[in-house]
């Protein structure tokens, strides 16, 4: 079964980095008169968020685990038996 989902430390770090870059863009515009194009500011935010998530380590309890459940029984089809299939020349398979 699936475990309850938890937000990983990497997600927190990425979100915080995005907020910091957004506030920094506002401070630069408000107090230094530096206005950055919106596309550049968005790209910088994504870049900083990605770097923050990449360098943040997982805590000991945070495991990278993908739960896998087998498909329902009625979906699984057995592979055809090669010996039971007739050959292409109409004769029986050797």
PDB file of N, CA and C in Angstrom:
ATOM      1  N   UNK A   1       0.827  -1.182   0.000  1.00  0.00           N
ATOM      2  CA  UNK A   1       0.000   0.000   0.000  1.00  0.00           C
ATOM      3  C   UNK A   1       0.874   1.248   0.000  1.00  0.00           C
ATOM      4  N   UNK A   2       0.231   2.356  -0.209  1.00  0.00           N
ATOM      5  CA  UNK A   2       0.948   3.619  -0.258  1.00  0.00           C
ATOM      6  C   UNK A   2       1.166   4.178   1.143  1.00  0.00           C
ATOM      7  N   UNK A   3       2.310   4.820   1.324  1.00  0.00           N
ATOM      8  CA  UNK A   3       2.581   5.513   2.577  1.00  0.00           C
ATOM      9  C   UNK A   3       1.916   6.882   2.523  1.00  0.00           C
ATOM     10  N   UNK A   4       1.606   7.456   3.683  1.00  0.00           N
ATOM     11  CA  UNK A   4       1.109   8.838   3.654  1.00  0.00           C
ATOM     12  C   UNK A   4       2.194   9.751   3.074  1.00  0.00           C
ATOM     13  N   UNK A   5       1.804  10.689   2.257  1.00  0.00           N
ATOM     14  CA  UNK A   5       2.798  11.554   1.629  1.00  0.00           C
ATOM     15  C   UNK A   5       3.326  12.566   2.630  1.00  0.00           C
ATOM     16  N   UNK A   6       4.616  12.842   2.521  1.00  0.00           N
ATOM     17  CA  UNK A   6       5.263  13.862   3.343  1.00  0.00           C
ATOM     18  C   UNK A   6       5.990  14.808   2.414  1.00  0.00           C
ATOM     19  N   UNK A   7       6.025  16.054   2.799  1.00  0.00           N
ATOM     20  CA  UNK A   7       6.767  17.022   2.012  1.00  0.00           C
ATOM     21  C   UNK A   7       8.236  16.891   2.382  1.00  0.00           C
ATOM     22  N   UNK A   8       9.053  16.683   1.405  1.00  0.00           N
ATOM     23  CA  UNK A   8      10.482  16.513   1.640  1.00  0.00           C
ATOM     24  C   UNK A   8      11.163  17.846   1.903  1.00  0.00           C
ATOM     25  N   UNK A   9      12.296  17.786   2.562  1.00  0.00           N
ATOM     26  CA  UNK A   9      13.088  18.973   2.866  1.00  0.00           C
ATOM     27  C   UNK A   9      13.459  19.711   1.584  1.00  0.00           C
ATOM     28  N   UNK A  10      13.697  18.969   0.512  1.00  0.00           N
ATOM     29  CA  UNK A  10      14.051  19.590  -0.764  1.00  0.00           C
ATOM     30  C   UNK A  10      12.934  20.503  -1.266  1.00  0.00           C
ATOM     31  N   UNK A  11      11.687  20.115  -1.030  1.00  0.00           N
ATOM     32  CA  UNK A  11      10.549  20.926  -1.469  1.00  0.00           C
ATOM     33  C   UNK A  11      10.492  22.222  -0.662  1.00  0.00           C
ATOM     34  N   UNK A  12      10.716  22.110   0.649  1.00  0.00           N
ATOM     35  CA  UNK A  12      10.744  23.314   1.486  1.00  0.00           C
ATOM     36  C   UNK A  12      11.846  24.273   1.022  1.00  0.00           C
ATOM     37  N   UNK A  13      13.034  23.737   0.773  1.00  0.00           N
ATOM     38  CA  UNK A  13      14.159  24.576   0.358  1.00  0.00           C
ATOM     39  C   UNK A  13      13.865  25.250  -0.981  1.00  0.00           C
ATOM     40  N   UNK A  14      13.286  24.517  -1.894  1.00  0.00           N
ATOM     41  CA  UNK A  14      12.969  25.070  -3.206  1.00  0.00           C
ATOM     42  C   UNK A  14      11.929  26.184  -3.098  1.00  0.00           C
ATOM     43  N   UNK A  15      10.896  25.966  -2.304  1.00  0.00           N
ATOM     44  CA  UNK A  15       9.865  26.991  -2.122  1.00  0.00           C
ATOM     45  C   UNK A  15      10.407  28.242  -1.458  1.00  0.00           C
ATOM     46  N   UNK A  16      11.249  28.052  -0.450  1.00  0.00           N
ATOM     47  CA  UNK A  16      11.846  29.203   0.237  1.00  0.00           C
ATOM     48  C   UNK A  16      12.746  29.984  -0.713  1.00  0.00           C
ATOM     49  N   UNK A  17      13.519  29.278  -1.527  1.00  0.00           N
ATOM     50  CA  UNK A  17      14.407  29.950  -2.480  1.00  0.00           C
ATOM     51  C   UNK A  17      13.595  30.761  -3.492  1.00  0.00           C
ATOM     52  N   UNK A  18      12.484  30.217  -3.953  1.00  0.00           N
ATOM     53  CA  UNK A  18      11.628  30.948  -4.886  1.00  0.00           C
ATOM     54  C   UNK A  18      11.071  32.219  -4.267  1.00  0.00           C
ATOM     55  N   UNK A  19      10.667  32.134  -3.005  1.00  0.00           N
ATOM     56  CA  UNK A  19      10.139  33.317  -2.313  1.00  0.00           C
ATOM     57  C   UNK A  19      11.227  34.371  -2.122  1.00  0.00           C
ATOM     58  N   UNK A  20      12.425  33.929  -1.761  1.00  0.00           N
ATOM     59  CA  UNK A  20      13.533  34.870  -1.549  1.00  0.00           C
ATOM     60  C   UNK A  20      13.885  35.590  -2.846  1.00  0.00           C
ATOM     61  N   UNK A  21      13.950  34.872  -3.942  1.00  0.00           N
ATOM     62  CA  UNK A  21      14.293  35.507  -5.221  1.00  0.00           C
ATOM     63  C   UNK A  21      13.200  36.490  -5.634  1.00  0.00           C
ATOM     64  N   UNK A  22      11.948  36.136  -5.408  1.00  0.00           N
ATOM     65  CA  UNK A  22      10.846  37.048  -5.747  1.00  0.00           C
ATOM     66  C   UNK A  22      10.931  38.339  -4.939  1.00  0.00           C
ATOM     67  N   UNK A  23      11.183  38.212  -3.641  1.00  0.00           N
ATOM     68  CA  UNK A  23      11.327  39.404  -2.788  1.00  0.00           C
ATOM     69  C   UNK A  23      12.554  40.209  -3.194  1.00  0.00           C
ATOM     70  N   UNK A  24      13.637  39.529  -3.547  1.00  0.00           N
ATOM     71  CA  UNK A  24      14.855  40.215  -3.984  1.00  0.00           C
ATOM     72  C   UNK A  24      14.599  41.025  -5.251  1.00  0.00           C
ATOM     73  N   UNK A  25      13.828  40.485  -6.186  1.00  0.00           N
ATOM     74  CA  UNK A  25      13.500  41.225  -7.410  1.00  0.00           C
ATOM     75  C   UNK A  25      12.713  42.493  -7.068  1.00  0.00           C
ATOM     76  N   UNK A  26      11.795  42.401  -6.125  1.00  0.00           N
ATOM     77  CA  UNK A  26      11.011  43.569  -5.708  1.00  0.00           C
ATOM     78  C   UNK A  26      11.902  44.614  -5.047  1.00  0.00           C
ATOM     79  N   UNK A  27      12.823  44.163  -4.170  1.00  0.00           N
ATOM     80  CA  UNK A  27      13.730  45.086  -3.473  1.00  0.00           C
ATOM     81  C   UNK A  27      14.627  45.798  -4.482  1.00  0.00           C
ATOM     82  N   UNK A  28      15.147  45.062  -5.454  1.00  0.00           N
ATOM     83  CA  UNK A  28      15.994  45.687  -6.475  1.00  0.00           C
ATOM     84  C   UNK A  28      15.227  46.754  -7.259  1.00  0.00           C
ATOM     85  N   UNK A  29      13.979  46.483  -7.572  1.00  0.00           N
ATOM     86  CA  UNK A  29      13.176  47.451  -8.324  1.00  0.00           C
ATOM     87  C   UNK A  29      12.808  48.658  -7.454  1.00  0.00           C
ATOM     88  N   UNK A  30      12.416  48.390  -6.214  1.00  0.00           N
ATOM     89  CA  UNK A  30      11.912  49.442  -5.332  1.00  0.00           C
ATOM     90  C   UNK A  30      13.017  50.385  -4.856  1.00  0.00           C
ATOM     91  N   UNK A  31      14.153  49.835  -4.455  1.00  0.00           N
ATOM     92  CA  UNK A  31      15.183  50.652  -3.800  1.00  0.00           C
ATOM     93  C   UNK A  31      16.418  50.928  -4.656  1.00  0.00           C
ATOM     94  N   UNK A  32      16.713  50.061  -5.612  1.00  0.00           N
ATOM     95  CA  UNK A  32      17.895  50.294  -6.436  1.00  0.00           C
ATOM     96  C   UNK A  32      17.531  50.760  -7.837  1.00  0.00           C
ATOM     97  N   UNK A  33      16.260  50.722  -8.164  1.00  0.00           N
ATOM     98  CA  UNK A  33      15.838  51.177  -9.486  1.00  0.00           C
ATOM     99  C   UNK A  33      16.179  50.205 -10.596  1.00  0.00           C
ATOM    100  N   UNK A  34      16.547  48.978 -10.236  1.00  0.00           N
ATOM    101  CA  UNK A  34      16.900  47.964 -11.240  1.00  0.00           C
ATOM    102  C   UNK A  34      15.659  47.141 -11.537  1.00  0.00           C
ATOM    103  N   UNK A  35      15.190  47.238 -12.776  1.00  0.00           N
ATOM    104  CA  UNK A  35      14.013  46.457 -13.153  1.00  0.00           C
ATOM    105  C   UNK A  35      14.436  45.389 -14.146  1.00  0.00           C
ATOM    106  N   UNK A  36      14.127  44.176 -13.825  1.00  0.00           N
ATOM    107  CA  UNK A  36      14.488  43.041 -14.661  1.00  0.00           C
ATOM    108  C   UNK A  36      13.257  42.617 -15.471  1.00  0.00           C
ATOM    109  N   UNK A  37      13.436  42.209 -16.718  1.00  0.00           N
ATOM    110  CA  UNK A  37      12.283  41.702 -17.484  1.00  0.00           C
ATOM    111  C   UNK A  37      11.644  40.514 -16.755  1.00  0.00           C
ATOM    112  N   UNK A  38      10.337  40.385 -16.870  1.00  0.00           N
ATOM    113  CA  UNK A  38       9.619  39.334 -16.165  1.00  0.00           C
ATOM    114  C   UNK A  38      10.099  37.938 -16.543  1.00  0.00           C
ATOM    115  N   UNK A  39      10.411  37.734 -17.806  1.00  0.00           N
ATOM    116  CA  UNK A  39      10.882  36.417 -18.240  1.00  0.00           C
ATOM    117  C   UNK A  39      12.218  36.067 -17.596  1.00  0.00           C
ATOM    118  N   UNK A  40      13.093  37.035 -17.495  1.00  0.00           N
ATOM    119  CA  UNK A  40      14.400  36.808 -16.882  1.00  0.00           C
ATOM    120  C   UNK A  40      14.236  36.549 -15.385  1.00  0.00           C
ATOM    121  N   UNK A  41      13.366  37.315 -14.731  1.00  0.00           N
ATOM    122  CA  UNK A  41      13.122  37.109 -13.306  1.00  0.00           C
ATOM    123  C   UNK A  41      12.534  35.729 -13.048  1.00  0.00           C
ATOM    124  N   UNK A  42      11.617  35.286 -13.894  1.00  0.00           N
ATOM    125  CA  UNK A  42      11.025  33.951 -13.742  1.00  0.00           C
ATOM    126  C   UNK A  42      12.070  32.864 -13.967  1.00  0.00           C
ATOM    127  N   UNK A  43      12.905  33.038 -14.982  1.00  0.00           N
ATOM    128  CA  UNK A  43      13.957  32.050 -15.248  1.00  0.00           C
ATOM    129  C   UNK A  43      14.957  32.004 -14.106  1.00  0.00           C
ATOM    130  N   UNK A  44      15.314  33.152 -13.556  1.00  0.00           N
ATOM    131  CA  UNK A  44      16.238  33.195 -12.425  1.00  0.00           C
ATOM    132  C   UNK A  44      15.627  32.505 -11.205  1.00  0.00           C
ATOM    133  N   UNK A  45      14.338  32.726 -10.990  1.00  0.00           N
ATOM    134  CA  UNK A  45      13.649  32.080  -9.866  1.00  0.00           C
ATOM    135  C   UNK A  45      13.675  30.565 -10.010  1.00  0.00           C
ATOM    136  N   UNK A  46      13.359  30.069 -11.183  1.00  0.00           N
ATOM    137  CA  UNK A  46      13.367  28.621 -11.416  1.00  0.00           C
ATOM    138  C   UNK A  46      14.777  28.059 -11.257  1.00  0.00           C
ATOM    139  N   UNK A  47      15.766  28.766 -11.759  1.00  0.00           N
ATOM    140  CA  UNK A  47      17.150  28.306 -11.653  1.00  0.00           C
ATOM    141  C   UNK A  47      17.589  28.220 -10.191  1.00  0.00           C
ATOM    142  N   UNK A  48      17.311  29.251  -9.409  1.00  0.00           N
ATOM    143  CA  UNK A  48      17.693  29.257  -7.995  1.00  0.00           C
ATOM    144  C   UNK A  48      16.927  28.177  -7.224  1.00  0.00           C
ATOM    145  N   UNK A  49      15.641  27.991  -7.536  1.00  0.00           N
ATOM    146  CA  UNK A  49      14.861  26.945  -6.877  1.00  0.00           C
ATOM    147  C   UNK A  49      15.419  25.558  -7.180  1.00  0.00           C
ATOM    148  N   UNK A  50      15.813  25.323  -8.423  1.00  0.00           N
ATOM    149  CA  UNK A  50      16.370  24.026  -8.810  1.00  0.00           C
ATOM    150  C   UNK A  50      17.687  23.776  -8.101  1.00  0.00           C
ATOM    151  N   UNK A  51      18.536  24.783  -8.042  1.00  0.00           N
ATOM    152  CA  UNK A  51      19.821  24.633  -7.355  1.00  0.00           C
ATOM    153  C   UNK A  51      19.599  24.369  -5.868  1.00  0.00           C
ATOM    154  N   UNK A  52      18.662  25.091  -5.251  1.00  0.00           N
ATOM    155  CA  UNK A  52      18.389  24.896  -3.826  1.00  0.00           C
ATOM    156  C   UNK A  52      17.890  23.487  -3.551  1.00  0.00           C
ATOM    157  N   UNK A  53      17.008  22.972  -4.389  1.00  0.00           N
ATOM    158  CA  UNK A  53      16.505  21.610  -4.197  1.00  0.00           C
ATOM    159  C   UNK A  53      17.599  20.579  -4.428  1.00  0.00           C
ATOM    160  N   UNK A  54      18.482  20.833  -5.371  1.00  0.00           N
ATOM    161  CA  UNK A  54      19.534  19.877  -5.701  1.00  0.00           C
ATOM    162  C   UNK A  54      20.570  19.773  -4.584  1.00  0.00           C
ATOM    163  N   UNK A  55      20.939  20.895  -3.971  1.00  0.00           N
ATOM    164  CA  UNK A  55      21.993  20.871  -2.953  1.00  0.00           C
ATOM    165  C   UNK A  55      21.465  20.511  -1.565  1.00  0.00           C
ATOM    166  N   UNK A  56      20.156  20.539  -1.367  1.00  0.00           N
ATOM    167  CA  UNK A  56      19.593  20.208  -0.059  1.00  0.00           C
ATOM    168  C   UNK A  56      19.562  18.689   0.106  1.00  0.00           C
ATOM    169  N   UNK A  57      20.197  18.158   1.163  1.00  0.00           N
ATOM    170  CA  UNK A  57      20.188  16.701   1.350  1.00  0.00           C
ATOM    171  C   UNK A  57      18.862  16.224   1.942  1.00  0.00           C
ATOM    172  N   UNK A  58      18.562  14.960   1.712  1.00  0.00           N
ATOM    173  CA  UNK A  58      17.393  14.357   2.339  1.00  0.00           C
ATOM    174  C   UNK A  58      17.695  14.092   3.804  1.00  0.00           C
ATOM    175  N   UNK A  59      16.706  14.235   4.658  1.00  0.00           N
ATOM    176  CA  UNK A  59      16.867  13.875   6.061  1.00  0.00           C
ATOM    177  C   UNK A  59      16.829  12.353   6.190  1.00  0.00           C
ATOM    178  N   UNK A  60      17.330  11.792   7.298  1.00  0.00           N
ATOM    179  CA  UNK A  60      17.372  10.332   7.434  1.00  0.00           C
ATOM    180  C   UNK A  60      16.019   9.639   7.248  1.00  0.00           C
ATOM    181  N   UNK A  61      14.922  10.246   7.649  1.00  0.00           N
ATOM    182  CA  UNK A  61      13.619   9.602   7.515  1.00  0.00           C
ATOM    183  C   UNK A  61      12.991   9.754   6.146  1.00  0.00           C
ATOM    184  N   UNK A  62      13.578  10.567   5.284  1.00  0.00           N
ATOM    185  CA  UNK A  62      13.020  10.813   3.955  1.00  0.00           C
ATOM    186  C   UNK A  62      13.651   9.852   2.961  1.00  0.00           C
ATOM    187  N   UNK A  63      12.867   8.936   2.489  1.00  0.00           N
ATOM    188  CA  UNK A  63      13.378   7.899   1.602  1.00  0.00           C
ATOM    189  C   UNK A  63      12.770   8.099   0.230  1.00  0.00           C
ATOM    190  N   UNK A  64      13.583   7.929  -0.778  1.00  0.00           N
ATOM    191  CA  UNK A  64      13.067   7.979  -2.143  1.00  0.00           C
ATOM    192  C   UNK A  64      12.479   6.606  -2.445  1.00  0.00           C
ATOM    193  N   UNK A  65      11.179   6.515  -2.341  1.00  0.00           N
ATOM    194  CA  UNK A  65      10.522   5.232  -2.521  1.00  0.00           C
ATOM    195  C   UNK A  65       9.292   5.430  -3.384  1.00  0.00           C
ATOM    196  N   UNK A  66       9.156   4.620  -4.404  1.00  0.00           N
ATOM    197  CA  UNK A  66       7.978   4.669  -5.262  1.00  0.00           C
ATOM    198  C   UNK A  66       7.194   3.390  -4.997  1.00  0.00           C
ATOM    199  N   UNK A  67       6.019   3.523  -4.401  1.00  0.00           N
ATOM    200  CA  UNK A  67       5.237   2.320  -4.127  1.00  0.00           C
ATOM    201  C   UNK A  67       4.709   1.720  -5.420  1.00  0.00           C
ATOM    202  N   UNK A  68       4.881   0.432  -5.565  1.00  0.00           N
ATOM    203  CA  UNK A  68       4.428  -0.265  -6.762  1.00  0.00           C
ATOM    204  C   UNK A  68       3.459  -1.352  -6.332  1.00  0.00           C
ATOM    205  N   UNK A  69       2.298  -1.334  -6.905  1.00  0.00           N
ATOM    206  CA  UNK A  69       1.312  -2.361  -6.623  1.00  0.00           C
ATOM    207  C   UNK A  69       1.121  -3.197  -7.881  1.00  0.00           C
ATOM    208  N   UNK A  70       0.955  -4.492  -7.728  1.00  0.00           N
ATOM    209  CA  UNK A  70       0.707  -5.311  -8.920  1.00  0.00           C
ATOM    210  C   UNK A  70      -0.648  -4.966  -9.523  1.00  0.00           C
ATOM    211  N   UNK A  71      -0.794  -5.133 -10.829  1.00  0.00           N
ATOM    212  CA  UNK A  71      -2.091  -4.849 -11.449  1.00  0.00           C
ATOM    213  C   UNK A  71      -3.123  -5.870 -10.986  1.00  0.00           C
ATOM    214  N   UNK A  72      -4.392  -5.536 -11.120  1.00  0.00           N
ATOM    215  CA  UNK A  72      -5.428  -6.506 -10.752  1.00  0.00           C
ATOM    216  C   UNK A  72      -5.260  -7.795 -11.543  1.00  0.00           C
ATOM    217  N   UNK A  73      -5.680  -8.907 -10.982  1.00  0.00           N
ATOM    218  CA  UNK A  73      -5.476 -10.221 -11.586  1.00  0.00           C
ATOM    219  C   UNK A  73      -6.143 -10.326 -12.944  1.00  0.00           C
ATOM    220  N   UNK A  74      -7.309  -9.742 -13.125  1.00  0.00           N
ATOM    221  CA  UNK A  74      -8.008  -9.890 -14.395  1.00  0.00           C
ATOM    222  C   UNK A  74      -7.344  -9.121 -15.535  1.00  0.00           C
ATOM    223  N   UNK A  75      -6.394  -8.238 -15.240  1.00  0.00           N
ATOM    224  CA  UNK A  75      -5.700  -7.477 -16.275  1.00  0.00           C
ATOM    225  C   UNK A  75      -4.497  -8.249 -16.812  1.00  0.00           C
ATOM    226  N   UNK A  76      -3.897  -9.085 -15.997  1.00  0.00           N
ATOM    227  CA  UNK A  76      -2.694  -9.808 -16.389  1.00  0.00           C
ATOM    228  C   UNK A  76      -3.059 -10.914 -17.363  1.00  0.00           C
ATOM    229  N   UNK A  77      -2.453 -10.881 -18.534  1.00  0.00           N
ATOM    230  CA  UNK A  77      -2.692 -11.898 -19.554  1.00  0.00           C
ATOM    231  C   UNK A  77      -1.456 -12.789 -19.648  1.00  0.00           C
ATOM    232  N   UNK A  78      -1.635 -14.100 -19.656  1.00  0.00           N
ATOM    233  CA  UNK A  78      -0.464 -14.967 -19.804  1.00  0.00           C
ATOM    234  C   UNK A  78       0.109 -14.834 -21.211  1.00  0.00           C
ATOM    235  N   UNK A  79       1.402 -14.986 -21.304  1.00  0.00           N
ATOM    236  CA  UNK A  79       2.059 -14.925 -22.605  1.00  0.00           C
ATOM    237  C   UNK A  79       1.641 -16.134 -23.421  1.00  0.00           C
ATOM    238  N   UNK A  80       1.412 -15.950 -24.720  1.00  0.00           N
ATOM    239  CA  UNK A  80       1.017 -17.109 -25.540  1.00  0.00           C
ATOM    240  C   UNK A  80       2.162 -18.115 -25.620  1.00  0.00           C
ATOM    241  N   UNK A  81       1.802 -19.362 -25.627  1.00  0.00           N
ATOM    242  CA  UNK A  81       2.787 -20.435 -25.712  1.00  0.00           C
ATOM    243  C   UNK A  81       3.175 -20.610 -27.175  1.00  0.00           C
ATOM    244  N   UNK A  82       4.465 -20.504 -27.485  1.00  0.00           N
ATOM    245  CA  UNK A  82       4.920 -20.610 -28.868  1.00  0.00           C
ATOM    246  C   UNK A  82       4.619 -21.977 -29.463  1.00  0.00           C
ATOM    247  N   UNK A  83       4.651 -23.029 -28.678  1.00  0.00           N
ATOM    248  CA  UNK A  83       4.401 -24.370 -29.189  1.00  0.00           C
ATOM    249  C   UNK A  83       2.939 -24.555 -29.587  1.00  0.00           C
ATOM    250  N   UNK A  84       2.026 -23.836 -28.972  1.00  0.00           N
ATOM    251  CA  UNK A  84       0.604 -23.983 -29.274  1.00  0.00           C
ATOM    252  C   UNK A  84       0.200 -23.207 -30.519  1.00  0.00           C
ATOM    253  N   UNK A  85       1.048 -22.298 -30.971  1.00  0.00           N
ATOM    254  CA  UNK A  85       0.742 -21.487 -32.141  1.00  0.00           C
ATOM    255  C   UNK A  85       1.148 -22.230 -33.411  1.00  0.00           C
ATOM    256  N   UNK A  86       0.298 -22.221 -34.442  1.00  0.00           N
ATOM    257  CA  UNK A  86       0.713 -22.876 -35.687  1.00  0.00           C
ATOM    258  C   UNK A  86       1.813 -22.067 -36.380  1.00  0.00           C
ATOM    259  N   UNK A  87       2.654 -22.734 -37.103  1.00  0.00           N
ATOM    260  CA  UNK A  87       3.725 -22.030 -37.817  1.00  0.00           C
ATOM    261  C   UNK A  87       3.155 -21.316 -39.025  1.00  0.00           C
ATOM    262  N   UNK A  88       3.920 -20.429 -39.601  1.00  0.00           N
ATOM    263  CA  UNK A  88       3.443 -19.621 -40.722  1.00  0.00           C
ATOM    264  C   UNK A  88       3.232 -20.444 -41.992  1.00  0.00           C
ATOM    265  N   UNK A  89       3.868 -21.617 -42.123  1.00  0.00           N
ATOM    266  CA  UNK A  89       3.716 -22.424 -43.334  1.00  0.00           C
ATOM    267  C   UNK A  89       2.514 -23.393 -43.225  1.00  0.00           C
ATOM    268  N   UNK A  90       1.757 -23.295 -42.138  1.00  0.00           N
ATOM    269  CA  UNK A  90       0.567 -24.116 -41.994  1.00  0.00           C
ATOM    270  C   UNK A  90       0.829 -25.419 -41.301  1.00  0.00           C
ATOM    271  N   UNK A  91       2.069 -25.818 -41.132  1.00  0.00           N
ATOM    272  CA  UNK A  91       2.395 -27.078 -40.458  1.00  0.00           C
ATOM    273  C   UNK A  91       2.476 -26.876 -38.966  1.00  0.00           C
ATOM    274  N   UNK A  92       2.782 -27.891 -38.266  1.00  0.00           N
ATOM    275  CA  UNK A  92       2.900 -27.775 -36.803  1.00  0.00           C
ATOM    276  C   UNK A  92       4.291 -27.275 -36.453  1.00  0.00           C
ATOM    277  N   UNK A  93       4.374 -26.634 -35.336  1.00  0.00           N
ATOM    278  CA  UNK A  93       5.662 -26.106 -34.883  1.00  0.00           C
ATOM    279  C   UNK A  93       6.560 -27.239 -34.459  1.00  0.00           C
ATOM    280  N   UNK A  94       7.857 -27.160 -34.719  1.00  0.00           N
ATOM    281  CA  UNK A  94       8.784 -28.268 -34.381  1.00  0.00           C
ATOM    282  C   UNK A  94       8.942 -28.479 -32.910  1.00  0.00           C
TER     283      UNK A  94
END
